[in-house]
Structure formats: C-alpha cells, structure tokens
N, C-alpha and C. Protein backbone atom coordinates (compact mmCIF):
# COMPACT_ATOMS: atom_id res chain seq x y z
N UNK A 1 -5.10 -17.62 4.17
CA UNK A 1 -4.33 -16.51 3.66
C UNK A 1 -5.25 -15.30 3.52
N UNK A 2 -4.71 -14.12 3.79
CA UNK A 2 -5.44 -12.86 3.63
C UNK A 2 -4.56 -11.93 2.80
N UNK A 3 -5.09 -11.47 1.67
CA UNK A 3 -4.36 -10.59 0.77
C UNK A 3 -4.92 -9.18 0.89
N UNK A 4 -4.03 -8.22 1.09
CA UNK A 4 -4.39 -6.81 1.26
C UNK A 4 -3.61 -6.04 0.20
N UNK A 5 -4.32 -5.54 -0.82
CA UNK A 5 -3.66 -4.85 -1.93
C UNK A 5 -4.14 -3.41 -1.94
N UNK A 6 -3.20 -2.47 -1.82
CA UNK A 6 -3.51 -1.05 -1.69
C UNK A 6 -2.89 -0.29 -2.85
N UNK A 7 -3.69 0.60 -3.43
CA UNK A 7 -3.21 1.45 -4.52
C UNK A 7 -3.31 2.91 -4.06
N UNK A 8 -2.22 3.66 -4.28
CA UNK A 8 -2.12 5.05 -3.84
C UNK A 8 -1.99 5.98 -5.03
N UNK A 9 -2.77 7.05 -5.02
CA UNK A 9 -2.65 8.13 -5.99
C UNK A 9 -2.12 9.34 -5.25
N UNK A 10 -0.97 9.84 -5.64
CA UNK A 10 -0.40 11.03 -5.02
C UNK A 10 -1.17 12.29 -5.43
N UNK A 11 -1.29 13.23 -4.51
CA UNK A 11 -1.88 14.53 -4.84
C UNK A 11 -1.02 15.26 -5.86
N UNK A 12 0.30 15.14 -5.68
CA UNK A 12 1.26 15.81 -6.56
C UNK A 12 2.21 14.77 -7.15
N UNK A 13 1.76 13.99 -8.12
CA UNK A 13 2.58 12.89 -8.64
C UNK A 13 3.90 13.31 -9.27
N UNK A 14 4.03 14.59 -9.63
CA UNK A 14 5.28 15.05 -10.23
C UNK A 14 6.29 15.54 -9.20
N UNK A 15 5.92 15.52 -7.92
CA UNK A 15 6.83 15.96 -6.87
C UNK A 15 7.72 14.79 -6.43
N UNK A 16 9.01 14.91 -6.74
CA UNK A 16 9.93 13.83 -6.35
C UNK A 16 10.05 13.73 -4.84
N UNK A 17 9.95 14.84 -4.13
CA UNK A 17 10.02 14.81 -2.67
C UNK A 17 8.83 14.06 -2.07
N UNK A 18 7.64 14.33 -2.58
CA UNK A 18 6.46 13.65 -2.06
C UNK A 18 6.44 12.17 -2.44
N UNK A 19 6.91 11.84 -3.64
CA UNK A 19 7.02 10.43 -4.04
C UNK A 19 7.97 9.70 -3.10
N UNK A 20 9.11 10.32 -2.80
CA UNK A 20 10.11 9.71 -1.93
C UNK A 20 9.57 9.54 -0.51
N UNK A 21 8.85 10.54 -0.02
CA UNK A 21 8.30 10.46 1.33
C UNK A 21 7.26 9.35 1.44
N UNK A 22 6.38 9.24 0.44
CA UNK A 22 5.38 8.17 0.49
C UNK A 22 6.05 6.80 0.36
N UNK A 23 7.00 6.67 -0.53
CA UNK A 23 7.69 5.40 -0.69
C UNK A 23 8.41 5.00 0.59
N UNK A 24 9.07 5.93 1.24
CA UNK A 24 9.74 5.64 2.51
C UNK A 24 8.72 5.19 3.56
N UNK A 25 7.58 5.86 3.61
CA UNK A 25 6.54 5.49 4.57
C UNK A 25 6.01 4.09 4.30
N UNK A 26 5.76 3.78 3.03
CA UNK A 26 5.27 2.46 2.66
C UNK A 26 6.28 1.39 3.08
N UNK A 27 7.55 1.63 2.80
CA UNK A 27 8.58 0.63 3.12
C UNK A 27 8.67 0.34 4.61
N UNK A 28 8.32 1.30 5.46
CA UNK A 28 8.35 1.07 6.91
C UNK A 28 7.32 0.03 7.34
N UNK A 29 6.26 -0.13 6.57
CA UNK A 29 5.20 -1.08 6.92
C UNK A 29 5.69 -2.53 6.92
N UNK A 30 6.78 -2.77 6.23
CA UNK A 30 7.35 -4.13 6.17
C UNK A 30 7.75 -4.63 7.56
N UNK A 31 8.00 -3.72 8.49
CA UNK A 31 8.45 -4.08 9.83
C UNK A 31 7.33 -4.62 10.73
N UNK A 32 6.08 -4.51 10.30
CA UNK A 32 4.99 -5.05 11.11
C UNK A 32 5.10 -6.57 11.09
N UNK A 33 5.20 -7.15 12.27
CA UNK A 33 5.54 -8.58 12.39
C UNK A 33 4.51 -9.53 11.78
N UNK A 34 3.27 -9.13 11.61
CA UNK A 34 2.27 -10.05 11.05
C UNK A 34 2.30 -10.09 9.52
N UNK A 35 3.06 -9.20 8.88
CA UNK A 35 3.18 -9.20 7.42
C UNK A 35 4.06 -10.37 7.00
N UNK A 36 3.51 -11.25 6.18
CA UNK A 36 4.27 -12.42 5.71
C UNK A 36 4.93 -12.16 4.36
N UNK A 37 4.24 -11.44 3.48
CA UNK A 37 4.79 -11.09 2.17
C UNK A 37 4.55 -9.60 1.96
N UNK A 38 5.58 -8.94 1.45
CA UNK A 38 5.54 -7.49 1.25
C UNK A 38 6.05 -7.18 -0.16
N UNK A 39 5.27 -6.42 -0.92
CA UNK A 39 5.74 -5.97 -2.22
C UNK A 39 5.21 -4.57 -2.47
N UNK A 40 6.11 -3.67 -2.86
CA UNK A 40 5.71 -2.32 -3.26
C UNK A 40 6.16 -2.14 -4.70
N UNK A 41 5.29 -1.55 -5.51
CA UNK A 41 5.61 -1.37 -6.92
C UNK A 41 4.98 -0.13 -7.50
N UNK A 42 5.27 0.07 -8.77
CA UNK A 42 4.71 1.17 -9.56
C UNK A 42 4.05 0.54 -10.79
N UNK A 43 3.24 1.31 -11.51
CA UNK A 43 2.58 0.73 -12.68
C UNK A 43 3.58 0.15 -13.69
N UNK A 44 3.25 -1.02 -14.19
CA UNK A 44 4.05 -1.64 -15.24
C UNK A 44 3.80 -0.91 -16.56
N UNK A 45 4.64 -1.17 -17.53
CA UNK A 45 4.50 -0.51 -18.83
C UNK A 45 3.48 -1.18 -19.73
N UNK A 46 2.79 -2.20 -19.23
CA UNK A 46 1.75 -2.85 -20.02
C UNK A 46 0.66 -1.84 -20.34
N UNK A 47 0.03 -2.01 -21.49
CA UNK A 47 -0.96 -1.03 -21.91
C UNK A 47 -2.09 -1.72 -22.67
N UNK A 48 -3.13 -2.09 -21.91
CA UNK A 48 -4.35 -2.65 -22.50
C UNK A 48 -5.52 -1.90 -21.87
N UNK A 49 -6.66 -1.89 -22.52
CA UNK A 49 -7.79 -1.11 -22.00
C UNK A 49 -8.22 -1.47 -20.58
N UNK A 50 -8.00 -2.69 -20.15
CA UNK A 50 -8.46 -3.11 -18.82
C UNK A 50 -7.46 -2.82 -17.71
N UNK A 51 -6.31 -2.27 -18.03
CA UNK A 51 -5.27 -2.05 -17.03
C UNK A 51 -5.35 -0.63 -16.50
N UNK A 52 -5.40 -0.52 -15.18
CA UNK A 52 -5.38 0.78 -14.50
C UNK A 52 -3.92 1.15 -14.25
N UNK A 53 -3.48 2.25 -14.82
CA UNK A 53 -2.09 2.68 -14.67
C UNK A 53 -1.98 4.06 -14.06
N UNK A 54 -3.07 4.60 -13.52
CA UNK A 54 -3.06 5.96 -13.01
C UNK A 54 -2.54 6.12 -11.60
N UNK A 55 -2.34 5.03 -10.90
CA UNK A 55 -1.88 5.11 -9.51
C UNK A 55 -0.38 5.37 -9.44
N UNK A 56 0.06 5.81 -8.28
CA UNK A 56 1.49 6.11 -8.08
C UNK A 56 2.25 4.92 -7.52
N UNK A 57 1.65 4.24 -6.51
CA UNK A 57 2.29 3.08 -5.88
C UNK A 57 1.26 2.01 -5.59
N UNK A 58 1.72 0.78 -5.63
CA UNK A 58 0.92 -0.38 -5.25
C UNK A 58 1.62 -1.05 -4.08
N UNK A 59 0.84 -1.42 -3.07
CA UNK A 59 1.37 -2.14 -1.92
C UNK A 59 0.60 -3.44 -1.79
N UNK A 60 1.31 -4.56 -1.85
CA UNK A 60 0.70 -5.88 -1.69
C UNK A 60 1.23 -6.50 -0.41
N UNK A 61 0.31 -6.79 0.50
CA UNK A 61 0.66 -7.45 1.76
C UNK A 61 -0.11 -8.75 1.86
N UNK A 62 0.56 -9.79 2.32
CA UNK A 62 -0.10 -11.06 2.56
C UNK A 62 0.10 -11.43 4.02
N UNK A 63 -1.01 -11.82 4.63
CA UNK A 63 -1.04 -12.23 6.03
C UNK A 63 -1.49 -13.68 6.10
N UNK A 64 -1.20 -14.32 7.21
CA UNK A 64 -1.66 -15.70 7.39
C UNK A 64 -3.17 -15.80 7.50
N UNK A 65 -3.80 -14.76 8.06
CA UNK A 65 -5.24 -14.82 8.30
C UNK A 65 -5.78 -13.41 8.57
N UNK A 66 -7.10 -13.33 8.71
CA UNK A 66 -7.76 -12.05 8.97
C UNK A 66 -7.30 -11.44 10.28
N UNK A 67 -7.09 -12.25 11.29
CA UNK A 67 -6.67 -11.73 12.59
C UNK A 67 -5.33 -11.02 12.50
N UNK A 68 -4.39 -11.58 11.72
CA UNK A 68 -3.09 -10.93 11.55
C UNK A 68 -3.22 -9.60 10.80
N UNK A 69 -4.15 -9.54 9.84
CA UNK A 69 -4.40 -8.30 9.13
C UNK A 69 -5.04 -7.28 10.07
N UNK A 70 -5.93 -7.74 10.95
CA UNK A 70 -6.54 -6.84 11.94
C UNK A 70 -5.48 -6.26 12.87
N UNK A 71 -4.51 -7.09 13.26
CA UNK A 71 -3.40 -6.62 14.11
C UNK A 71 -2.60 -5.55 13.38
N UNK A 72 -2.34 -5.77 12.11
CA UNK A 72 -1.62 -4.79 11.28
C UNK A 72 -2.36 -3.45 11.27
N UNK A 73 -3.67 -3.47 11.13
CA UNK A 73 -4.45 -2.24 11.01
C UNK A 73 -4.30 -1.33 12.22
N UNK A 74 -4.13 -1.90 13.41
CA UNK A 74 -4.02 -1.09 14.63
C UNK A 74 -2.58 -0.97 15.13
N UNK A 75 -1.65 -1.55 14.39
CA UNK A 75 -0.24 -1.51 14.78
C UNK A 75 0.27 -0.06 14.75
N UNK A 76 1.10 0.33 15.71
CA UNK A 76 1.63 1.71 15.74
C UNK A 76 2.36 2.12 14.46
N UNK A 77 3.05 1.20 13.82
CA UNK A 77 3.76 1.54 12.57
C UNK A 77 2.75 1.92 11.49
N UNK A 78 1.67 1.15 11.39
CA UNK A 78 0.63 1.45 10.39
C UNK A 78 -0.09 2.75 10.73
N UNK A 79 -0.42 2.93 11.99
CA UNK A 79 -1.10 4.17 12.39
C UNK A 79 -0.23 5.38 12.12
N UNK A 80 1.06 5.28 12.40
CA UNK A 80 1.99 6.38 12.12
C UNK A 80 2.07 6.65 10.62
N UNK A 81 2.12 5.59 9.82
CA UNK A 81 2.15 5.75 8.37
C UNK A 81 0.94 6.54 7.88
N UNK A 82 -0.25 6.16 8.32
CA UNK A 82 -1.46 6.86 7.90
C UNK A 82 -1.41 8.32 8.33
N UNK A 83 -0.99 8.56 9.55
CA UNK A 83 -0.93 9.94 10.06
C UNK A 83 0.07 10.79 9.27
N UNK A 84 1.25 10.23 9.02
CA UNK A 84 2.32 10.98 8.36
C UNK A 84 2.12 11.11 6.85
N UNK A 85 1.55 10.08 6.22
CA UNK A 85 1.53 10.04 4.76
C UNK A 85 0.19 10.36 4.12
N UNK A 86 -0.90 10.29 4.86
CA UNK A 86 -2.21 10.53 4.24
C UNK A 86 -2.33 11.91 3.61
N UNK A 87 -1.64 12.94 4.11
CA UNK A 87 -1.74 14.23 3.40
C UNK A 87 -1.14 14.20 1.99
N UNK A 88 -0.35 13.16 1.68
CA UNK A 88 0.31 13.07 0.39
C UNK A 88 -0.58 12.49 -0.70
N UNK A 89 -1.60 11.71 -0.33
CA UNK A 89 -2.39 11.05 -1.36
C UNK A 89 -3.74 11.70 -1.56
N UNK A 90 -4.21 11.59 -2.82
CA UNK A 90 -5.53 12.11 -3.17
C UNK A 90 -6.56 10.99 -3.15
N UNK A 91 -6.09 9.76 -3.29
CA UNK A 91 -7.00 8.62 -3.39
C UNK A 91 -6.26 7.36 -2.98
N UNK A 92 -6.99 6.48 -2.30
CA UNK A 92 -6.49 5.15 -1.96
C UNK A 92 -7.60 4.16 -2.28
N UNK A 93 -7.25 3.08 -2.95
CA UNK A 93 -8.20 1.99 -3.22
C UNK A 93 -7.59 0.72 -2.67
N UNK A 94 -8.41 -0.04 -1.94
CA UNK A 94 -7.94 -1.26 -1.30
C UNK A 94 -8.77 -2.44 -1.78
N UNK A 95 -8.08 -3.52 -2.10
CA UNK A 95 -8.72 -4.79 -2.45
C UNK A 95 -8.25 -5.82 -1.44
N UNK A 96 -9.17 -6.35 -0.65
CA UNK A 96 -8.87 -7.43 0.28
C UNK A 96 -9.44 -8.71 -0.28
N UNK A 97 -8.70 -9.80 -0.16
CA UNK A 97 -9.16 -11.08 -0.67
C UNK A 97 -8.74 -12.21 0.26
N UNK A 98 -9.56 -13.25 0.28
CA UNK A 98 -9.27 -14.46 1.05
C UNK A 98 -9.37 -15.65 0.11
N UNK A 99 -8.85 -16.77 0.56
CA UNK A 99 -8.92 -17.99 -0.24
C UNK A 99 -10.36 -18.43 -0.46
N UNK A 100 -10.60 -19.08 -1.57
CA UNK A 100 -11.95 -19.61 -1.85
C UNK A 100 -12.07 -21.03 -1.32
C-alpha cells in the first residue's frame, strides 16, 4: 500500500470562487485509474495544540503500490490539475507513507 496525503493552503482562503475551483480540481483526481481510495476534506473542529488546522483542503489518496502512485504523478489529469490549480495555493505539504 502507498498512502499519499496532500494538504493545500489557499492564497485567498476567504474567496468562495477560489475554494470552489480548487475543490473541483481536486475532485477530478478521483478519475485517475490507479487511485484505490480517495478522500477530500477540510479541517475538523477538533482543537488541541498538536493539530494543524490552518490548511484549506486535505486530499488522501491510497494506491496499491509505489508504481501506481508514480503513474498518478505523470497522469494527464494530475498534470492538468497542477497546471490549472497551482496558482490558487500558497503552500502544499505532502506526506507519503508505505507499510512497515
């Protein structure tokens, strides 16, 4: 299993148009055939010192293996997403994980 968890910070988090455009772009990534599990979310209302709540959207993708994740990275849908949506974010943080 390969877990790819992406956190997005919008440049203009108060812009409903930009939030909608980024969310629409993220949702298109579900169509990449190597994605086995897809989840998009926003910060939960939990509030403890160790919780990061400053991001706008979280994207969790699970692949069968590293090769499937590599295919996703060069897939036209993913490339189009980065091209169309990268002007909307100020920061992206990615956590990739594999089984122990």
